[in-house]
Amino acid sequence: MIRMMAVGFLLAGGLVGPALAGPYKPIADVKALAGEWRAVGGASAAAIRIKPDGSYEGTAASGARTTGEIMVTAGKAAYRSTGSEGTVTLSQEGGKDVLTFMLADRRGSARLERMK
């Protein structure tokens, strides 16, 4: 239950439509997403760390933790955690890579930028 709530907090904390990002970029391999990602704008402490195998660990602004996995097929990505699933898109915004996690029912999204 806590993990399901954590995913909700992570998504709600970044509740912004993906239309603000630039054109989507194909994702050739999940390894391209590996690294540290933080909520866009820095207003939220939401963050995730994606490993080269696609597994990830995240922390919501509330401190709740979540885990999940990102899978890539034919240039498109999807995620699955213990509490939700949906799509992942990669785009450019202000010269930075931005990941958008969209719930499968499209009722929430989270936008995170790569930390360099």
PDB file of N, CA and C in Angstrom:
ATOM      1  N   MET A   1       0.821  -1.190   0.000  1.00  0.00           N
ATOM      2  CA  MET A   1       0.000   0.000   0.000  1.00  0.00           C
ATOM      3  C   MET A   1       0.869   1.260   0.000  1.00  0.00           C
ATOM      4  N   ILE A   2       1.948   1.249   0.788  1.00  0.00           N
ATOM      5  CA  ILE A   2       2.821   2.411   0.842  1.00  0.00           C
ATOM      6  C   ILE A   2       3.451   2.658  -0.518  1.00  0.00           C
ATOM      7  N   ARG A   3       3.869   1.588  -1.204  1.00  0.00           N
ATOM      8  CA  ARG A   3       4.476   1.766  -2.526  1.00  0.00           C
ATOM      9  C   ARG A   3       3.477   2.337  -3.512  1.00  0.00           C
ATOM     10  N   MET A   4       2.206   1.879  -3.439  1.00  0.00           N
ATOM     11  CA  MET A   4       1.193   2.395  -4.333  1.00  0.00           C
ATOM     12  C   MET A   4       0.985   3.886  -4.068  1.00  0.00           C
ATOM     13  N   MET A   5       0.968   4.281  -2.807  1.00  0.00           N
ATOM     14  CA  MET A   5       0.820   5.690  -2.467  1.00  0.00           C
ATOM     15  C   MET A   5       2.035   6.480  -2.936  1.00  0.00           C
ATOM     16  N   ALA A   6       3.231   5.897  -2.824  1.00  0.00           N
ATOM     17  CA  ALA A   6       4.450   6.594  -3.238  1.00  0.00           C
ATOM     18  C   ALA A   6       4.411   6.909  -4.720  1.00  0.00           C
ATOM     19  N   VAL A   7       3.954   5.965  -5.519  1.00  0.00           N
ATOM     20  CA  VAL A   7       3.858   6.210  -6.958  1.00  0.00           C
ATOM     21  C   VAL A   7       2.868   7.342  -7.208  1.00  0.00           C
ATOM     22  N   GLY A   8       1.753   7.336  -6.509  1.00  0.00           N
ATOM     23  CA  GLY A   8       0.772   8.409  -6.649  1.00  0.00           C
ATOM     24  C   GLY A   8       1.354   9.753  -6.276  1.00  0.00           C
ATOM     25  N   PHE A   9       2.099   9.805  -5.172  1.00  0.00           N
ATOM     26  CA  PHE A   9       2.727  11.061  -4.750  1.00  0.00           C
ATOM     27  C   PHE A   9       3.747  11.520  -5.783  1.00  0.00           C
ATOM     28  N   LEU A  10       4.538  10.583  -6.291  1.00  0.00           N
ATOM     29  CA  LEU A  10       5.547  10.930  -7.288  1.00  0.00           C
ATOM     30  C   LEU A  10       4.872  11.510  -8.523  1.00  0.00           C
ATOM     31  N   LEU A  11       3.808  10.876  -8.978  1.00  0.00           N
ATOM     32  CA  LEU A  11       3.104  11.356 -10.158  1.00  0.00           C
ATOM     33  C   LEU A  11       2.376  12.658  -9.883  1.00  0.00           C
ATOM     34  N   ALA A  12       1.691  12.763  -8.750  1.00  0.00           N
ATOM     35  CA  ALA A  12       0.962  13.983  -8.428  1.00  0.00           C
ATOM     36  C   ALA A  12       1.916  15.150  -8.226  1.00  0.00           C
ATOM     37  N   GLY A  13       3.092  14.878  -7.672  1.00  0.00           N
ATOM     38  CA  GLY A  13       4.069  15.933  -7.439  1.00  0.00           C
ATOM     39  C   GLY A  13       4.557  16.565  -8.726  1.00  0.00           C
ATOM     40  N   GLY A  14       4.499  15.817  -9.811  1.00  0.00           N
ATOM     41  CA  GLY A  14       4.951  16.342 -11.095  1.00  0.00           C
ATOM     42  C   GLY A  14       3.805  16.513 -12.062  1.00  0.00           C
ATOM     43  N   LEU A  15       2.609  16.741 -11.564  1.00  0.00           N
ATOM     44  CA  LEU A  15       1.407  16.779 -12.390  1.00  0.00           C
ATOM     45  C   LEU A  15       1.440  17.948 -13.361  1.00  0.00           C
ATOM     46  N   VAL A  16       1.999  17.686 -14.522  1.00  0.00           N
ATOM     47  CA  VAL A  16       2.097  18.671 -15.587  1.00  0.00           C
ATOM     48  C   VAL A  16       1.947  17.910 -16.886  1.00  0.00           C
ATOM     49  N   GLY A  17       1.220  18.453 -17.801  1.00  0.00           N
ATOM     50  CA  GLY A  17       1.025  17.775 -19.082  1.00  0.00           C
ATOM     51  C   GLY A  17       2.300  17.699 -19.882  1.00  0.00           C
ATOM     52  N   PRO A  18       2.482  16.628 -20.639  1.00  0.00           N
ATOM     53  CA  PRO A  18       3.689  16.454 -21.426  1.00  0.00           C
ATOM     54  C   PRO A  18       3.791  17.426 -22.590  1.00  0.00           C
ATOM     55  N   ALA A  19       2.754  18.189 -22.870  1.00  0.00           N
ATOM     56  CA  ALA A  19       2.781  19.102 -24.007  1.00  0.00           C
ATOM     57  C   ALA A  19       3.819  20.210 -23.842  1.00  0.00           C
ATOM     58  N   LEU A  20       4.295  20.451 -22.629  1.00  0.00           N
ATOM     59  CA  LEU A  20       5.276  21.494 -22.398  1.00  0.00           C
ATOM     60  C   LEU A  20       6.671  21.090 -22.871  1.00  0.00           C
ATOM     61  N   ALA A  21       6.895  19.828 -23.056  1.00  0.00           N
ATOM     62  CA  ALA A  21       8.207  19.342 -23.470  1.00  0.00           C
ATOM     63  C   ALA A  21       8.342  19.437 -24.985  1.00  0.00           C
ATOM     64  N   GLY A  22       9.586  19.322 -25.450  1.00  0.00           N
ATOM     65  CA  GLY A  22       9.842  19.345 -26.882  1.00  0.00           C
ATOM     66  C   GLY A  22       9.423  18.040 -27.525  1.00  0.00           C
ATOM     67  N   PRO A  23       9.743  17.869 -28.793  1.00  0.00           N
ATOM     68  CA  PRO A  23       9.373  16.639 -29.498  1.00  0.00           C
ATOM     69  C   PRO A  23       9.966  15.403 -28.816  1.00  0.00           C
ATOM     70  N   TYR A  24       9.209  14.340 -28.855  1.00  0.00           N
ATOM     71  CA  TYR A  24       9.681  13.094 -28.244  1.00  0.00           C
ATOM     72  C   TYR A  24      10.860  12.530 -29.013  1.00  0.00           C
ATOM     73  N   LYS A  25      11.780  11.940 -28.283  1.00  0.00           N
ATOM     74  CA  LYS A  25      12.952  11.294 -28.871  1.00  0.00           C
ATOM     75  C   LYS A  25      12.774   9.788 -28.747  1.00  0.00           C
ATOM     76  N   PRO A  26      13.130   9.023 -29.772  1.00  0.00           N
ATOM     77  CA  PRO A  26      13.056   7.564 -29.643  1.00  0.00           C
ATOM     78  C   PRO A  26      14.040   7.101 -28.564  1.00  0.00           C
ATOM     79  N   ILE A  27      13.688   6.035 -27.890  1.00  0.00           N
ATOM     80  CA  ILE A  27      14.544   5.462 -26.861  1.00  0.00           C
ATOM     81  C   ILE A  27      15.054   4.132 -27.401  1.00  0.00           C
ATOM     82  N   ALA A  28      16.302   4.114 -27.827  1.00  0.00           N
ATOM     83  CA  ALA A  28      16.870   2.923 -28.459  1.00  0.00           C
ATOM     84  C   ALA A  28      17.073   1.785 -27.470  1.00  0.00           C
ATOM     85  N   ASP A  29      17.433   2.126 -26.250  1.00  0.00           N
ATOM     86  CA  ASP A  29      17.776   1.115 -25.248  1.00  0.00           C
ATOM     87  C   ASP A  29      17.516   1.710 -23.873  1.00  0.00           C
ATOM     88  N   VAL A  30      17.065   0.891 -22.954  1.00  0.00           N
ATOM     89  CA  VAL A  30      16.790   1.365 -21.601  1.00  0.00           C
ATOM     90  C   VAL A  30      18.053   1.917 -20.937  1.00  0.00           C
ATOM     91  N   LYS A  31      19.219   1.456 -21.362  1.00  0.00           N
ATOM     92  CA  LYS A  31      20.480   1.956 -20.801  1.00  0.00           C
ATOM     93  C   LYS A  31      20.624   3.460 -21.015  1.00  0.00           C
ATOM     94  N   ALA A  32      20.010   3.987 -22.066  1.00  0.00           N
ATOM     95  CA  ALA A  32      20.087   5.425 -22.351  1.00  0.00           C
ATOM     96  C   ALA A  32      19.396   6.257 -21.274  1.00  0.00           C
ATOM     97  N   LEU A  33      18.530   5.634 -20.475  1.00  0.00           N
ATOM     98  CA  LEU A  33      17.804   6.349 -19.423  1.00  0.00           C
ATOM     99  C   LEU A  33      18.489   6.253 -18.063  1.00  0.00           C
ATOM    100  N   ALA A  34      19.535   5.447 -17.969  1.00  0.00           N
ATOM    101  CA  ALA A  34      20.207   5.234 -16.682  1.00  0.00           C
ATOM    102  C   ALA A  34      20.738   6.544 -16.117  1.00  0.00           C
ATOM    103  N   GLY A  35      20.575   6.706 -14.810  1.00  0.00           N
ATOM    104  CA  GLY A  35      21.094   7.888 -14.132  1.00  0.00           C
ATOM    105  C   GLY A  35      20.117   8.454 -13.136  1.00  0.00           C
ATOM    106  N   GLU A  36      20.449   9.641 -12.660  1.00  0.00           N
ATOM    107  CA  GLU A  36      19.647  10.341 -11.661  1.00  0.00           C
ATOM    108  C   GLU A  36      18.701  11.317 -12.360  1.00  0.00           C
ATOM    109  N   TRP A  37      17.444  11.329 -11.923  1.00  0.00           N
ATOM    110  CA  TRP A  37      16.426  12.210 -12.477  1.00  0.00           C
ATOM    111  C   TRP A  37      15.700  12.904 -11.327  1.00  0.00           C
ATOM    112  N   ARG A  38      15.403  14.188 -11.467  1.00  0.00           N
ATOM    113  CA  ARG A  38      14.704  14.976 -10.450  1.00  0.00           C
ATOM    114  C   ARG A  38      13.506  15.677 -11.076  1.00  0.00           C
ATOM    115  N   ALA A  39      12.522  15.986 -10.230  1.00  0.00           N
ATOM    116  CA  ALA A  39      11.325  16.675 -10.699  1.00  0.00           C
ATOM    117  C   ALA A  39      11.705  17.967 -11.419  1.00  0.00           C
ATOM    118  N   VAL A  40      11.053  18.248 -12.525  1.00  0.00           N
ATOM    119  CA  VAL A  40      11.317  19.444 -13.312  1.00  0.00           C
ATOM    120  C   VAL A  40      10.987  20.678 -12.469  1.00  0.00           C
ATOM    121  N   GLY A  41      11.858  21.661 -12.510  1.00  0.00           N
ATOM    122  CA  GLY A  41      11.623  22.920 -11.822  1.00  0.00           C
ATOM    123  C   GLY A  41      12.157  22.976 -10.408  1.00  0.00           C
ATOM    124  N   GLY A  42      12.498  21.846  -9.821  1.00  0.00           N
ATOM    125  CA  GLY A  42      13.079  21.826  -8.492  1.00  0.00           C
ATOM    126  C   GLY A  42      12.125  22.157  -7.360  1.00  0.00           C
ATOM    127  N   ALA A  43      10.827  22.366  -7.633  1.00  0.00           N
ATOM    128  CA  ALA A  43       9.872  22.688  -6.583  1.00  0.00           C
ATOM    129  C   ALA A  43       9.539  21.469  -5.734  1.00  0.00           C
ATOM    130  N   SER A  44       9.739  20.287  -6.262  1.00  0.00           N
ATOM    131  CA  SER A  44       9.432  19.044  -5.567  1.00  0.00           C
ATOM    132  C   SER A  44      10.712  18.250  -5.370  1.00  0.00           C
ATOM    133  N   ALA A  45      10.771  17.519  -4.268  1.00  0.00           N
ATOM    134  CA  ALA A  45      11.939  16.685  -4.003  1.00  0.00           C
ATOM    135  C   ALA A  45      11.830  15.320  -4.686  1.00  0.00           C
ATOM    136  N   ALA A  46      10.807  15.111  -5.500  1.00  0.00           N
ATOM    137  CA  ALA A  46      10.629  13.835  -6.178  1.00  0.00           C
ATOM    138  C   ALA A  46      11.842  13.539  -7.051  1.00  0.00           C
ATOM    139  N   ALA A  47      12.314  12.299  -6.983  1.00  0.00           N
ATOM    140  CA  ALA A  47      13.496  11.896  -7.743  1.00  0.00           C
ATOM    141  C   ALA A  47      13.488  10.398  -7.956  1.00  0.00           C
ATOM    142  N   ILE A  48      14.148   9.950  -9.015  1.00  0.00           N
ATOM    143  CA  ILE A  48      14.355   8.523  -9.226  1.00  0.00           C
ATOM    144  C   ILE A  48      15.777   8.291  -9.693  1.00  0.00           C
ATOM    145  N   ARG A  49      16.247   7.061  -9.461  1.00  0.00           N
ATOM    146  CA  ARG A  49      17.540   6.619  -9.983  1.00  0.00           C
ATOM    147  C   ARG A  49      17.253   5.390 -10.830  1.00  0.00           C
ATOM    148  N   ILE A  50      17.553   5.501 -12.124  1.00  0.00           N
ATOM    149  CA  ILE A  50      17.323   4.400 -13.058  1.00  0.00           C
ATOM    150  C   ILE A  50      18.641   3.669 -13.270  1.00  0.00           C
ATOM    151  N   LYS A  51      18.601   2.356 -13.107  1.00  0.00           N
ATOM    152  CA  LYS A  51      19.787   1.529 -13.320  1.00  0.00           C
ATOM    153  C   LYS A  51      19.849   1.113 -14.793  1.00  0.00           C
ATOM    154  N   PRO A  52      21.037   0.707 -15.279  1.00  0.00           N
ATOM    155  CA  PRO A  52      21.176   0.308 -16.692  1.00  0.00           C
ATOM    156  C   PRO A  52      20.245  -0.835 -17.122  1.00  0.00           C
ATOM    157  N   ASP A  53      19.782  -1.655 -16.167  1.00  0.00           N
ATOM    158  CA  ASP A  53      18.866  -2.742 -16.526  1.00  0.00           C
ATOM    159  C   ASP A  53      17.407  -2.294 -16.573  1.00  0.00           C
ATOM    160  N   GLY A  54      17.145  -0.998 -16.302  1.00  0.00           N
ATOM    161  CA  GLY A  54      15.789  -0.462 -16.353  1.00  0.00           C
ATOM    162  C   GLY A  54      15.075  -0.429 -15.020  1.00  0.00           C
ATOM    163  N   SER A  55      15.600  -1.093 -14.009  1.00  0.00           N
ATOM    164  CA  SER A  55      14.955  -1.019 -12.695  1.00  0.00           C
ATOM    165  C   SER A  55      15.209   0.365 -12.102  1.00  0.00           C
ATOM    166  N   TYR A  56      14.283   0.819 -11.270  1.00  0.00           N
ATOM    167  CA  TYR A  56      14.466   2.134 -10.670  1.00  0.00           C
ATOM    168  C   TYR A  56      13.956   2.164  -9.237  1.00  0.00           C
ATOM    169  N   GLU A  57      14.480   3.131  -8.495  1.00  0.00           N
ATOM    170  CA  GLU A  57      14.054   3.423  -7.132  1.00  0.00           C
ATOM    171  C   GLU A  57      13.723   4.904  -7.117  1.00  0.00           C
ATOM    172  N   GLY A  58      12.629   5.247  -6.464  1.00  0.00           N
ATOM    173  CA  GLY A  58      12.231   6.645  -6.428  1.00  0.00           C
ATOM    174  C   GLY A  58      11.850   7.093  -5.039  1.00  0.00           C
ATOM    175  N   THR A  59      11.893   8.409  -4.846  1.00  0.00           N
ATOM    176  CA  THR A  59      11.475   9.030  -3.597  1.00  0.00           C
ATOM    177  C   THR A  59      10.556  10.189  -3.933  1.00  0.00           C
ATOM    178  N   ALA A  60       9.394  10.208  -3.305  1.00  0.00           N
ATOM    179  CA  ALA A  60       8.443  11.300  -3.505  1.00  0.00           C
ATOM    180  C   ALA A  60       8.797  12.468  -2.590  1.00  0.00           C
ATOM    181  N   ALA A  61       8.193  13.615  -2.827  1.00  0.00           N
ATOM    182  CA  ALA A  61       8.429  14.790  -2.004  1.00  0.00           C
ATOM    183  C   ALA A  61       8.109  14.498  -0.539  1.00  0.00           C
ATOM    184  N   SER A  62       7.178  13.601  -0.289  1.00  0.00           N
ATOM    185  CA  SER A  62       6.790  13.238   1.072  1.00  0.00           C
ATOM    186  C   SER A  62       7.805  12.323   1.749  1.00  0.00           C
ATOM    187  N   GLY A  63       8.755  11.796   0.983  1.00  0.00           N
ATOM    188  CA  GLY A  63       9.739  10.852   1.509  1.00  0.00           C
ATOM    189  C   GLY A  63       9.368   9.402   1.252  1.00  0.00           C
ATOM    190  N   ALA A  64       8.149   9.152   0.743  1.00  0.00           N
ATOM    191  CA  ALA A  64       7.729   7.790   0.429  1.00  0.00           C
ATOM    192  C   ALA A  64       8.585   7.244  -0.703  1.00  0.00           C
ATOM    193  N   ARG A  65       8.880   5.958  -0.657  1.00  0.00           N
ATOM    194  CA  ARG A  65       9.733   5.320  -1.664  1.00  0.00           C
ATOM    195  C   ARG A  65       8.917   4.411  -2.568  1.00  0.00           C
ATOM    196  N   THR A  66       9.412   4.258  -3.797  1.00  0.00           N
ATOM    197  CA  THR A  66       8.786   3.355  -4.754  1.00  0.00           C
ATOM    198  C   THR A  66       9.876   2.675  -5.572  1.00  0.00           C
ATOM    199  N   THR A  67       9.547   1.542  -6.145  1.00  0.00           N
ATOM    200  CA  THR A  67      10.454   0.829  -7.038  1.00  0.00           C
ATOM    201  C   THR A  67       9.668   0.402  -8.268  1.00  0.00           C
ATOM    202  N   GLY A  68      10.377   0.170  -9.350  1.00  0.00           N
ATOM    203  CA  GLY A  68       9.713  -0.264 -10.561  1.00  0.00           C
ATOM    204  C   GLY A  68      10.710  -0.638 -11.625  1.00  0.00           C
ATOM    205  N   GLU A  69      10.191  -0.789 -12.840  1.00  0.00           N
ATOM    206  CA  GLU A  69      11.015  -1.196 -13.972  1.00  0.00           C
ATOM    207  C   GLU A  69      10.524  -0.489 -15.227  1.00  0.00           C
ATOM    208  N   ILE A  70      11.475  -0.081 -16.064  1.00  0.00           N
ATOM    209  CA  ILE A  70      11.170   0.513 -17.360  1.00  0.00           C
ATOM    210  C   ILE A  70      11.593  -0.490 -18.427  1.00  0.00           C
ATOM    211  N   MET A  71      10.701  -0.721 -19.388  1.00  0.00           N
ATOM    212  CA  MET A  71      10.970  -1.632 -20.490  1.00  0.00           C
ATOM    213  C   MET A  71      10.902  -0.838 -21.797  1.00  0.00           C
ATOM    214  N   VAL A  72      11.801  -1.144 -22.740  1.00  0.00           N
ATOM    215  CA  VAL A  72      11.821  -0.462 -24.038  1.00  0.00           C
ATOM    216  C   VAL A  72      11.617  -1.489 -25.139  1.00  0.00           C
ATOM    217  N   THR A  73      10.667  -1.186 -26.031  1.00  0.00           N
ATOM    218  CA  THR A  73      10.385  -2.033 -27.185  1.00  0.00           C
ATOM    219  C   THR A  73      10.152  -1.128 -28.386  1.00  0.00           C
ATOM    220  N   ALA A  74      10.893  -1.363 -29.442  1.00  0.00           N
ATOM    221  CA  ALA A  74      10.733  -0.623 -30.703  1.00  0.00           C
ATOM    222  C   ALA A  74      10.753   0.893 -30.497  1.00  0.00           C
ATOM    223  N   GLY A  75      11.671   1.376 -29.661  1.00  0.00           N
ATOM    224  CA  GLY A  75      11.831   2.814 -29.466  1.00  0.00           C
ATOM    225  C   GLY A  75      10.844   3.456 -28.519  1.00  0.00           C
ATOM    226  N   LYS A  76       9.950   2.660 -27.926  1.00  0.00           N
ATOM    227  CA  LYS A  76       8.951   3.186 -26.991  1.00  0.00           C
ATOM    228  C   LYS A  76       9.150   2.541 -25.629  1.00  0.00           C
ATOM    229  N   ALA A  77       8.898   3.320 -24.576  1.00  0.00           N
ATOM    230  CA  ALA A  77       9.125   2.819 -23.218  1.00  0.00           C
ATOM    231  C   ALA A  77       7.827   2.779 -22.427  1.00  0.00           C
ATOM    232  N   ALA A  78       7.789   1.828 -21.507  1.00  0.00           N
ATOM    233  CA  ALA A  78       6.685   1.694 -20.561  1.00  0.00           C
ATOM    234  C   ALA A  78       7.293   1.403 -19.198  1.00  0.00           C
ATOM    235  N   TYR A  79       6.530   1.705 -18.142  1.00  0.00           N
ATOM    236  CA  TYR A  79       7.010   1.405 -16.798  1.00  0.00           C
ATOM    237  C   TYR A  79       5.961   0.596 -16.048  1.00  0.00           C
ATOM    238  N   ARG A  80       6.437  -0.108 -15.049  1.00  0.00           N
ATOM    239  CA  ARG A  80       5.558  -0.861 -14.161  1.00  0.00           C
ATOM    240  C   ARG A  80       6.154  -0.790 -12.767  1.00  0.00           C
ATOM    241  N   SER A  81       5.347  -0.403 -11.803  1.00  0.00           N
ATOM    242  CA  SER A  81       5.768  -0.419 -10.405  1.00  0.00           C
ATOM    243  C   SER A  81       4.751  -1.270  -9.649  1.00  0.00           C
ATOM    244  N   THR A  82       4.927  -1.382  -8.359  1.00  0.00           N
ATOM    245  CA  THR A  82       3.995  -2.192  -7.587  1.00  0.00           C
ATOM    246  C   THR A  82       2.609  -1.567  -7.526  1.00  0.00           C
ATOM    247  N   GLY A  83       2.495  -0.282  -7.803  1.00  0.00           N
ATOM    248  CA  GLY A  83       1.202   0.373  -7.676  1.00  0.00           C
ATOM    249  C   GLY A  83       0.626   0.970  -8.938  1.00  0.00           C
ATOM    250  N   SER A  84       1.400   1.041 -10.010  1.00  0.00           N
ATOM    251  CA  SER A  84       0.868   1.636 -11.238  1.00  0.00           C
ATOM    252  C   SER A  84       1.693   1.193 -12.438  1.00  0.00           C
ATOM    253  N   GLU A  85       1.197   1.555 -13.603  1.00  0.00           N
ATOM    254  CA  GLU A  85       1.915   1.307 -14.848  1.00  0.00           C
ATOM    255  C   GLU A  85       1.500   2.349 -15.858  1.00  0.00           C
ATOM    256  N   GLY A  86       2.320   2.494 -16.885  1.00  0.00           N
ATOM    257  CA  GLY A  86       2.014   3.471 -17.918  1.00  0.00           C
ATOM    258  C   GLY A  86       3.154   3.596 -18.900  1.00  0.00           C
ATOM    259  N   THR A  87       3.229   4.749 -19.540  1.00  0.00           N
ATOM    260  CA  THR A  87       4.238   4.988 -20.561  1.00  0.00           C
ATOM    261  C   THR A  87       5.308   5.956 -20.054  1.00  0.00           C
ATOM    262  N   VAL A  88       6.451   5.908 -20.733  1.00  0.00           N
ATOM    263  CA  VAL A  88       7.555   6.823 -20.442  1.00  0.00           C
ATOM    264  C   VAL A  88       7.983   7.414 -21.777  1.00  0.00           C
ATOM    265  N   THR A  89       8.078   8.734 -21.832  1.00  0.00           N
ATOM    266  CA  THR A  89       8.571   9.388 -23.039  1.00  0.00           C
ATOM    267  C   THR A  89       9.791  10.231 -22.689  1.00  0.00           C
ATOM    268  N   LEU A  90      10.662  10.401 -23.658  1.00  0.00           N
ATOM    269  CA  LEU A  90      11.873  11.196 -23.512  1.00  0.00           C
ATOM    270  C   LEU A  90      11.790  12.361 -24.478  1.00  0.00           C
ATOM    271  N   SER A  91      12.074  13.563 -23.981  1.00  0.00           N
ATOM    272  CA  SER A  91      12.062  14.748 -24.830  1.00  0.00           C
ATOM    273  C   SER A  91      13.162  15.701 -24.379  1.00  0.00           C
ATOM    274  N   GLN A  92      13.308  16.802 -25.090  1.00  0.00           N
ATOM    275  CA  GLN A  92      14.271  17.856 -24.745  1.00  0.00           C
ATOM    276  C   GLN A  92      13.495  19.092 -24.332  1.00  0.00           C
ATOM    277  N   GLU A  93      13.949  19.739 -23.261  1.00  0.00           N
ATOM    278  CA  GLU A  93      13.331  20.982 -22.808  1.00  0.00           C
ATOM    279  C   GLU A  93      14.442  21.869 -22.266  1.00  0.00           C
ATOM    280  N   GLY A  94      14.630  23.010 -22.854  1.00  0.00           N
ATOM    281  CA  GLY A  94      15.681  23.910 -22.403  1.00  0.00           C
ATOM    282  C   GLY A  94      17.056  23.271 -22.429  1.00  0.00           C
ATOM    283  N   GLY A  95      17.295  22.403 -23.415  1.00  0.00           N
ATOM    284  CA  GLY A  95      18.584  21.741 -23.541  1.00  0.00           C
ATOM    285  C   GLY A  95      18.786  20.564 -22.600  1.00  0.00           C
ATOM    286  N   LYS A  96      17.758  20.184 -21.838  1.00  0.00           N
ATOM    287  CA  LYS A  96      17.878  19.065 -20.899  1.00  0.00           C
ATOM    288  C   LYS A  96      16.967  17.919 -21.318  1.00  0.00           C
ATOM    289  N   ASP A  97      17.414  16.698 -21.009  1.00  0.00           N
ATOM    290  CA  ASP A  97      16.560  15.531 -21.224  1.00  0.00           C
ATOM    291  C   ASP A  97      15.459  15.536 -20.174  1.00  0.00           C
ATOM    292  N   VAL A  98      14.225  15.288 -20.608  1.00  0.00           N
ATOM    293  CA  VAL A  98      13.070  15.244 -19.713  1.00  0.00           C
ATOM    294  C   VAL A  98      12.335  13.926 -19.932  1.00  0.00           C
ATOM    295  N   LEU A  99      12.106  13.196 -18.842  1.00  0.00           N
ATOM    296  CA  LEU A  99      11.297  11.975 -18.880  1.00  0.00           C
ATOM    297  C   LEU A  99       9.902  12.317 -18.378  1.00  0.00           C
ATOM    298  N   THR A 100       8.897  11.841 -19.085  1.00  0.00           N
ATOM    299  CA  THR A 100       7.522  11.997 -18.631  1.00  0.00           C
ATOM    300  C   THR A 100       6.935  10.617 -18.395  1.00  0.00           C
ATOM    301  N   PHE A 101       6.541  10.367 -17.164  1.00  0.00           N
ATOM    302  CA  PHE A 101       5.852   9.140 -16.792  1.00  0.00           C
ATOM    303  C   PHE A 101       4.360   9.448 -16.830  1.00  0.00           C
ATOM    304  N   MET A 102       3.599   8.733 -17.657  1.00  0.00           N
ATOM    305  CA  MET A 102       2.159   8.946 -17.781  1.00  0.00           C
ATOM    306  C   MET A 102       1.443   7.687 -17.316  1.00  0.00           C
ATOM    307  N   LEU A 103       0.520   7.850 -16.368  1.00  0.00           N
ATOM    308  CA  LEU A 103      -0.277   6.715 -15.927  1.00  0.00           C
ATOM    309  C   LEU A 103      -1.041   6.115 -17.108  1.00  0.00           C
ATOM    310  N   ALA A 104      -1.275   4.813 -17.066  1.00  0.00           N
ATOM    311  CA  ALA A 104      -1.969   4.126 -18.159  1.00  0.00           C
ATOM    312  C   ALA A 104      -3.353   4.730 -18.401  1.00  0.00           C
ATOM    313  N   ASP A 105      -4.033   5.195 -17.344  1.00  0.00           N
ATOM    314  CA  ASP A 105      -5.359   5.794 -17.520  1.00  0.00           C
ATOM    315  C   ASP A 105      -5.274   7.283 -17.863  1.00  0.00           C
ATOM    316  N   ARG A 106      -4.047   7.801 -18.010  1.00  0.00           N
ATOM    317  CA  ARG A 106      -3.767   9.188 -18.398  1.00  0.00           C
ATOM    318  C   ARG A 106      -4.303  10.200 -17.391  1.00  0.00           C
ATOM    319  N   ARG A 107      -4.490   9.794 -16.140  1.00  0.00           N
ATOM    320  CA  ARG A 107      -5.007  10.705 -15.107  1.00  0.00           C
ATOM    321  C   ARG A 107      -3.912  11.383 -14.304  1.00  0.00           C
ATOM    322  N   GLY A 108      -2.689  11.160 -14.652  1.00  0.00           N
ATOM    323  CA  GLY A 108      -1.596  11.800 -13.939  1.00  0.00           C
ATOM    324  C   GLY A 108      -0.286  11.573 -14.656  1.00  0.00           C
ATOM    325  N   SER A 109       0.634  12.502 -14.462  1.00  0.00           N
ATOM    326  CA  SER A 109       1.947  12.369 -15.062  1.00  0.00           C
ATOM    327  C   SER A 109       2.983  12.997 -14.146  1.00  0.00           C
ATOM    328  N   ALA A 110       4.217  12.605 -14.362  1.00  0.00           N
ATOM    329  CA  ALA A 110       5.345  13.190 -13.641  1.00  0.00           C
ATOM    330  C   ALA A 110       6.433  13.499 -14.646  1.00  0.00           C
ATOM    331  N   ARG A 111       7.030  14.666 -14.518  1.00  0.00           N
ATOM    332  CA  ARG A 111       8.109  15.067 -15.413  1.00  0.00           C
ATOM    333  C   ARG A 111       9.366  15.220 -14.613  1.00  0.00           C
ATOM    334  N   LEU A 112      10.433  14.570 -15.067  1.00  0.00           N
ATOM    335  CA  LEU A 112      11.713  14.601 -14.370  1.00  0.00           C
ATOM    336  C   LEU A 112      12.819  14.924 -15.355  1.00  0.00           C
ATOM    337  N   GLU A 113      13.809  15.704 -14.903  1.00  0.00           N
ATOM    338  CA  GLU A 113      14.939  16.033 -15.773  1.00  0.00           C
ATOM    339  C   GLU A 113      16.190  15.336 -15.292  1.00  0.00           C
ATOM    340  N   ARG A 114      17.038  14.997 -16.266  1.00  0.00           N
ATOM    341  CA  ARG A 114      18.291  14.297 -15.961  1.00  0.00           C
ATOM    342  C   ARG A 114      19.225  15.252 -15.210  1.00  0.00           C
ATOM    343  N   MET A 115      19.813  14.732 -14.161  1.00  0.00           N
ATOM    344  CA  MET A 115      20.812  15.483 -13.403  1.00  0.00           C
ATOM    345  C   MET A 115      22.171  15.123 -13.977  1.00  0.00           C
ATOM    346  N   LYS A 116      22.988  16.110 -14.305  1.00  0.00           N
ATOM    347  CA  LYS A 116      24.296  15.832 -14.905  1.00  0.00           C
ATOM    348  C   LYS A 116      25.389  16.021 -13.905  1.00  0.00           C
TER     349      LYS A 116
END
